[in-house]
């Protein structure tokens, strides 16, 4: 509790391993083609914080934020064409993703 009626929560999670598979579609071209990207290894993290205010002993409202990030190792990823992956990867790459957002919440605690 920060002060009378106020609470701050924070959570952190670490991902020790990630596995990624994605396709890059180009549907506005005359021929529909895709390239497939794959990777594994790497890691990730998720961080969340919530500031809540207790209206009563059982009812609270709050606002929070969340951040996600995931990445692969740069030496373990393959770029495959629409004809598939044959033999060794053609291009080594590193893939990453970051997302963040805010949210509002309300909760009711049962006695």
Protein backbone atom coordinates (compact mmCIF):
# COMPACT_ATOMS: atom_id res chain seq x y z
CA UNK A 1 0.00 0.00 0.00
CA UNK A 2 1.32 3.45 -0.93
CA UNK A 3 -1.08 5.50 1.17
CA UNK A 4 -4.58 5.16 2.56
CA UNK A 5 -6.60 3.38 -0.14
CA UNK A 6 -3.82 3.30 -2.78
CA UNK A 7 -1.90 0.22 -3.91
CA UNK A 8 0.87 -0.26 -6.47
CA UNK A 9 1.50 -3.71 -7.99
CA UNK A 10 4.31 -4.67 -10.34
CA UNK A 11 5.08 -7.98 -12.06
CA UNK A 12 8.09 -8.97 -14.13
CA UNK A 13 8.39 -12.19 -16.11
CA UNK A 14 11.38 -13.46 -18.09
CA UNK A 15 11.08 -15.86 -21.03
CA UNK A 16 14.19 -18.03 -21.22
CA UNK A 17 13.31 -19.40 -24.69
CA UNK A 18 11.33 -18.16 -27.71
CA UNK A 19 10.23 -19.88 -30.89
CA UNK A 20 9.08 -17.76 -33.85
CA UNK A 21 7.45 -18.50 -37.18
CA UNK A 22 6.00 -15.74 -39.34
CA UNK A 23 4.98 -15.04 -42.90
CA UNK A 24 5.36 -11.82 -44.85
CA UNK A 25 2.32 -11.68 -47.13
CA UNK A 26 2.15 -9.28 -50.09
CA UNK A 27 -1.50 -9.62 -51.10
CA UNK A 28 -1.69 -6.43 -53.20
CA UNK A 29 0.68 -7.80 -55.83
CA UNK A 30 -0.60 -9.60 -58.94
CA UNK A 31 0.84 -12.90 -57.67
CA UNK A 32 0.25 -13.77 -54.02
CA UNK A 33 3.57 -14.82 -52.53
CA UNK A 34 5.02 -15.07 -49.06
CA UNK A 35 8.34 -15.43 -47.38
CA UNK A 36 8.57 -17.43 -44.20
CA UNK A 37 10.82 -16.39 -41.34
CA UNK A 38 11.71 -18.78 -38.53
CA UNK A 39 13.86 -18.54 -35.45
CA UNK A 40 14.37 -20.02 -32.02
CA UNK A 41 16.44 -19.40 -28.95
CA UNK A 42 16.64 -15.86 -27.68
CA UNK A 43 14.36 -14.73 -24.88
CA UNK A 44 11.78 -12.23 -23.77
CA UNK A 45 10.38 -10.14 -20.97
CA UNK A 46 6.98 -8.93 -19.76
CA UNK A 47 6.59 -6.04 -17.30
CA UNK A 48 3.28 -4.91 -15.82
CA UNK A 49 2.39 -2.23 -13.29
CA UNK A 50 -1.01 -1.28 -11.82
CA UNK A 51 -1.99 1.64 -9.61
CA UNK A 52 -5.26 0.86 -7.79
CA UNK A 53 -7.55 2.84 -5.52
CA UNK A 54 -9.93 1.11 -3.09
CA UNK A 55 -13.38 2.68 -3.19
CA UNK A 56 -14.49 0.32 -0.41
CA UNK A 57 -12.80 -2.56 1.35
CA UNK A 58 -13.92 -4.91 -1.47
CA UNK A 59 -14.12 -2.68 -4.58
CA UNK A 60 -11.13 -1.14 -6.34
CA UNK A 61 -10.44 0.61 -9.65
CA UNK A 62 -7.08 1.02 -11.30
CA UNK A 63 -4.98 1.98 -14.28
CA UNK A 64 -1.97 0.08 -15.50
CA UNK A 65 0.55 -0.48 -18.22
CA UNK A 66 2.10 -3.56 -19.78
CA UNK A 67 5.20 -4.05 -21.94
CA UNK A 68 6.16 -7.23 -23.85
CA UNK A 69 9.37 -7.90 -25.76
CA UNK A 70 10.58 -11.09 -27.43
CA UNK A 71 13.61 -11.74 -29.60
CA UNK A 72 15.49 -14.55 -31.31
CA UNK A 73 19.20 -15.19 -31.61
CA UNK A 74 20.73 -13.68 -34.74
CA UNK A 75 22.58 -16.85 -35.68
CA UNK A 76 19.70 -19.35 -35.52
CA UNK A 77 17.08 -17.92 -37.88
CA UNK A 78 16.22 -18.96 -41.41
CA UNK A 79 14.50 -17.12 -44.24
CA UNK A 80 12.61 -19.52 -46.48
CA UNK A 81 10.87 -18.77 -49.76
CA UNK A 82 7.40 -19.88 -50.78
CA UNK A 83 8.97 -23.01 -52.30
CA UNK A 84 10.14 -24.11 -48.86
CA UNK A 85 13.39 -24.46 -46.95
CA UNK A 86 15.98 -26.68 -48.57
CA UNK A 87 19.34 -27.36 -46.94
CA UNK A 88 20.99 -24.66 -44.92
CA UNK A 89 19.27 -21.30 -44.27
CA UNK A 90 19.83 -18.71 -46.99
CA UNK A 91 19.90 -15.66 -44.74
CA UNK A 92 20.67 -15.41 -41.03
CA UNK A 93 18.68 -12.74 -39.22
CA UNK A 94 17.47 -11.64 -35.82
CA UNK A 95 13.74 -11.11 -35.23
CA UNK A 96 12.21 -9.10 -32.41
CA UNK A 97 8.80 -7.94 -31.26
CA UNK A 98 7.80 -5.19 -28.82
CA UNK A 99 4.29 -4.35 -27.65
CA UNK A 100 3.00 -2.02 -24.99
CA UNK A 101 -0.39 -0.91 -23.82
CA UNK A 102 -2.39 0.68 -21.05
CA UNK A 103 -5.56 -0.60 -19.44
CA UNK A 104 -8.21 0.23 -16.86
CA UNK A 105 -9.56 -2.32 -14.44
CA UNK A 106 -12.15 -2.73 -11.73
CA UNK A 107 -12.21 -5.56 -9.22
CA UNK A 108 -14.45 -6.90 -6.53
CA UNK A 109 -13.00 -9.06 -3.73
CA UNK A 110 -15.24 -11.68 -2.14
CA UNK A 111 -15.03 -12.11 1.63
